[in-house]
Amino acid sequence: MANPRPRVLGVAFAMLASASILLIVNEGAVSANAWALLALSGVFAAGAVIAFFQQEEETAPTAGTPNQAANHHQTESQKLPDPADAGFDVPVI
């Protein structure tokens, strides 16, 4: 199934832009409300463009990849030292 996000954001952009144009036509002047709707429509237009060009990421990695083996293998340098051995004071309650 294709990603519906660009379509939804595009429809929201079109609705906000048309509402702004209708507000300008009805009032006969560009008011603060019309500017606010135009600004919001720009945000939705940018989101639609970004969502349209964003590639689908693979959600489930395939089994047996080298990355999985490296994630579960813990080397000696990755282990944290014991606080008592490293010279830290152990609080006594």
C-alpha atoms as a PDB file:
ATOM      1  CA  MET A   1       0.000   0.000   0.000  1.00  0.00           C
ATOM      2  CA  ALA A   2       1.303   3.417  -0.896  1.00  0.00           C
ATOM      3  CA  ASN A   3       2.024   5.987   1.779  1.00  0.00           C
ATOM      4  CA  PRO A   4      -1.168   8.120   2.244  1.00  0.00           C
ATOM      5  CA  ARG A   5       0.647  10.900   4.135  1.00  0.00           C
ATOM      6  CA  PRO A   6       1.493  13.048   1.063  1.00  0.00           C
ATOM      7  CA  ARG A   7      -2.112  12.876  -0.142  1.00  0.00           C
ATOM      8  CA  VAL A   8      -3.538  13.850   3.237  1.00  0.00           C
ATOM      9  CA  LEU A   9      -1.108  16.737   3.622  1.00  0.00           C
ATOM     10  CA  GLY A  10      -1.828  17.837   0.055  1.00  0.00           C
ATOM     11  CA  VAL A  11      -5.565  17.854   0.714  1.00  0.00           C
ATOM     12  CA  ALA A  12      -5.032  19.819   3.929  1.00  0.00           C
ATOM     13  CA  PHE A  13      -2.892  22.323   1.982  1.00  0.00           C
ATOM     14  CA  ALA A  14      -5.584  22.718  -0.670  1.00  0.00           C
ATOM     15  CA  MET A  15      -8.337  23.195   1.913  1.00  0.00           C
ATOM     16  CA  LEU A  16      -6.397  25.825   3.866  1.00  0.00           C
ATOM     17  CA  ALA A  17      -5.354  27.706   0.734  1.00  0.00           C
ATOM     18  CA  SER A  18      -8.908  27.722  -0.623  1.00  0.00           C
ATOM     19  CA  ALA A  19     -10.280  28.843   2.761  1.00  0.00           C
ATOM     20  CA  SER A  20      -7.789  31.698   2.759  1.00  0.00           C
ATOM     21  CA  ILE A  21      -8.751  32.740  -0.771  1.00  0.00           C
ATOM     22  CA  LEU A  22     -12.468  32.598   0.084  1.00  0.00           C
ATOM     23  CA  LEU A  23     -11.841  34.702   3.190  1.00  0.00           C
ATOM     24  CA  ILE A  24      -9.977  37.293   1.142  1.00  0.00           C
ATOM     25  CA  VAL A  25     -12.759  37.404  -1.478  1.00  0.00           C
ATOM     26  CA  ASN A  26     -15.562  37.677   1.107  1.00  0.00           C
ATOM     27  CA  GLU A  27     -13.889  40.437   3.153  1.00  0.00           C
ATOM     28  CA  GLY A  28     -12.448  42.311   0.191  1.00  0.00           C
ATOM     29  CA  ALA A  29      -9.117  42.723   1.985  1.00  0.00           C
ATOM     30  CA  VAL A  30      -6.297  40.565   3.295  1.00  0.00           C
ATOM     31  CA  SER A  31      -6.855  40.229   7.040  1.00  0.00           C
ATOM     32  CA  ALA A  32      -4.754  38.645   9.772  1.00  0.00           C
ATOM     33  CA  ASN A  33      -6.893  35.508   9.586  1.00  0.00           C
ATOM     34  CA  ALA A  34      -6.170  35.153   5.875  1.00  0.00           C
ATOM     35  CA  TRP A  35      -2.429  35.539   6.515  1.00  0.00           C
ATOM     36  CA  ALA A  36      -2.607  32.896   9.256  1.00  0.00           C
ATOM     37  CA  LEU A  37      -4.359  30.446   6.939  1.00  0.00           C
ATOM     38  CA  LEU A  38      -1.797  31.135   4.219  1.00  0.00           C
ATOM     39  CA  ALA A  39       1.046  30.489   6.667  1.00  0.00           C
ATOM     40  CA  LEU A  40      -0.514  27.219   7.816  1.00  0.00           C
ATOM     41  CA  SER A  41      -1.091  26.132   4.232  1.00  0.00           C
ATOM     42  CA  GLY A  42       2.625  26.684   3.563  1.00  0.00           C
ATOM     43  CA  VAL A  43       3.528  24.396   6.443  1.00  0.00           C
ATOM     44  CA  PHE A  44       1.244  21.665   5.094  1.00  0.00           C
ATOM     45  CA  ALA A  45       2.630  22.144   1.567  1.00  0.00           C
ATOM     46  CA  ALA A  46       6.189  21.700   2.859  1.00  0.00           C
ATOM     47  CA  GLY A  47       5.128  18.591   4.787  1.00  0.00           C
ATOM     48  CA  ALA A  48       3.475  17.157   1.679  1.00  0.00           C
ATOM     49  CA  VAL A  49       6.607  17.716  -0.415  1.00  0.00           C
ATOM     50  CA  ILE A  50       8.844  16.159   2.224  1.00  0.00           C
ATOM     51  CA  ALA A  51       6.516  13.163   2.652  1.00  0.00           C
ATOM     52  CA  PHE A  52       6.271  12.703  -1.119  1.00  0.00           C
ATOM     53  CA  PHE A  53      10.026  12.479  -1.618  1.00  0.00           C
ATOM     54  CA  GLN A  54      10.716  10.428   1.520  1.00  0.00           C
ATOM     55  CA  GLN A  55      11.581   6.845   0.692  1.00  0.00           C
ATOM     56  CA  GLU A  56       9.905   3.943   2.401  1.00  0.00           C
ATOM     57  CA  GLU A  57      12.160   2.424   5.029  1.00  0.00           C
ATOM     58  CA  GLU A  58      12.265  -1.289   5.531  1.00  0.00           C
ATOM     59  CA  THR A  59      10.684  -2.016   8.911  1.00  0.00           C
ATOM     60  CA  ALA A  60      11.718  -5.633   9.424  1.00  0.00           C
ATOM     61  CA  PRO A  61      15.352  -6.566   8.748  1.00  0.00           C
ATOM     62  CA  THR A  62      16.012  -9.925   7.185  1.00  0.00           C
ATOM     63  CA  ALA A  63      17.279 -12.714   9.392  1.00  0.00           C
ATOM     64  CA  GLY A  64      20.956 -13.538   9.350  1.00  0.00           C
ATOM     65  CA  THR A  65      22.344 -10.128   8.526  1.00  0.00           C
ATOM     66  CA  PRO A  66      25.832  -9.306   9.797  1.00  0.00           C
ATOM     67  CA  ASN A  67      24.478  -6.348  11.791  1.00  0.00           C
ATOM     68  CA  GLN A  68      22.417  -8.612  14.025  1.00  0.00           C
ATOM     69  CA  ALA A  69      25.441 -10.717  14.922  1.00  0.00           C
ATOM     70  CA  ALA A  70      27.468  -7.614  15.750  1.00  0.00           C
ATOM     71  CA  ASN A  71      24.696  -6.193  17.948  1.00  0.00           C
ATOM     72  CA  HIS A  72      24.569  -9.214  20.217  1.00  0.00           C
ATOM     73  CA  HIS A  73      28.335  -9.646  20.514  1.00  0.00           C
ATOM     74  CA  GLN A  74      29.745  -7.584  23.363  1.00  0.00           C
ATOM     75  CA  THR A  75      33.469  -6.981  23.422  1.00  0.00           C
ATOM     76  CA  GLU A  76      35.640  -6.428  26.469  1.00  0.00           C
ATOM     77  CA  SER A  77      35.949  -2.689  25.779  1.00  0.00           C
ATOM     78  CA  GLN A  78      32.149  -2.270  25.764  1.00  0.00           C
ATOM     79  CA  LYS A  79      31.670  -3.644  29.272  1.00  0.00           C
ATOM     80  CA  LEU A  80      31.409  -1.181  32.124  1.00  0.00           C
ATOM     81  CA  PRO A  81      33.826  -1.635  35.010  1.00  0.00           C
ATOM     82  CA  ASP A  82      32.616  -2.624  38.439  1.00  0.00           C
ATOM     83  CA  PRO A  83      32.288   0.570  40.532  1.00  0.00           C
ATOM     84  CA  ALA A  84      34.069  -1.012  43.496  1.00  0.00           C
ATOM     85  CA  ASP A  85      37.025  -2.089  41.326  1.00  0.00           C
ATOM     86  CA  ALA A  86      37.268   1.267  39.556  1.00  0.00           C
ATOM     87  CA  GLY A  87      37.664   3.180  42.828  1.00  0.00           C
ATOM     88  CA  PHE A  88      34.172   4.605  43.118  1.00  0.00           C
ATOM     89  CA  ASP A  89      32.570   4.859  46.519  1.00  0.00           C
ATOM     90  CA  VAL A  90      29.634   2.527  46.985  1.00  0.00           C
ATOM     91  CA  PRO A  91      26.890   4.282  48.967  1.00  0.00           C
ATOM     92  CA  VAL A  92      25.746   2.509  52.098  1.00  0.00           C
ATOM     93  CA  ILE A  93      22.169   3.111  53.156  1.00  0.00           C
END
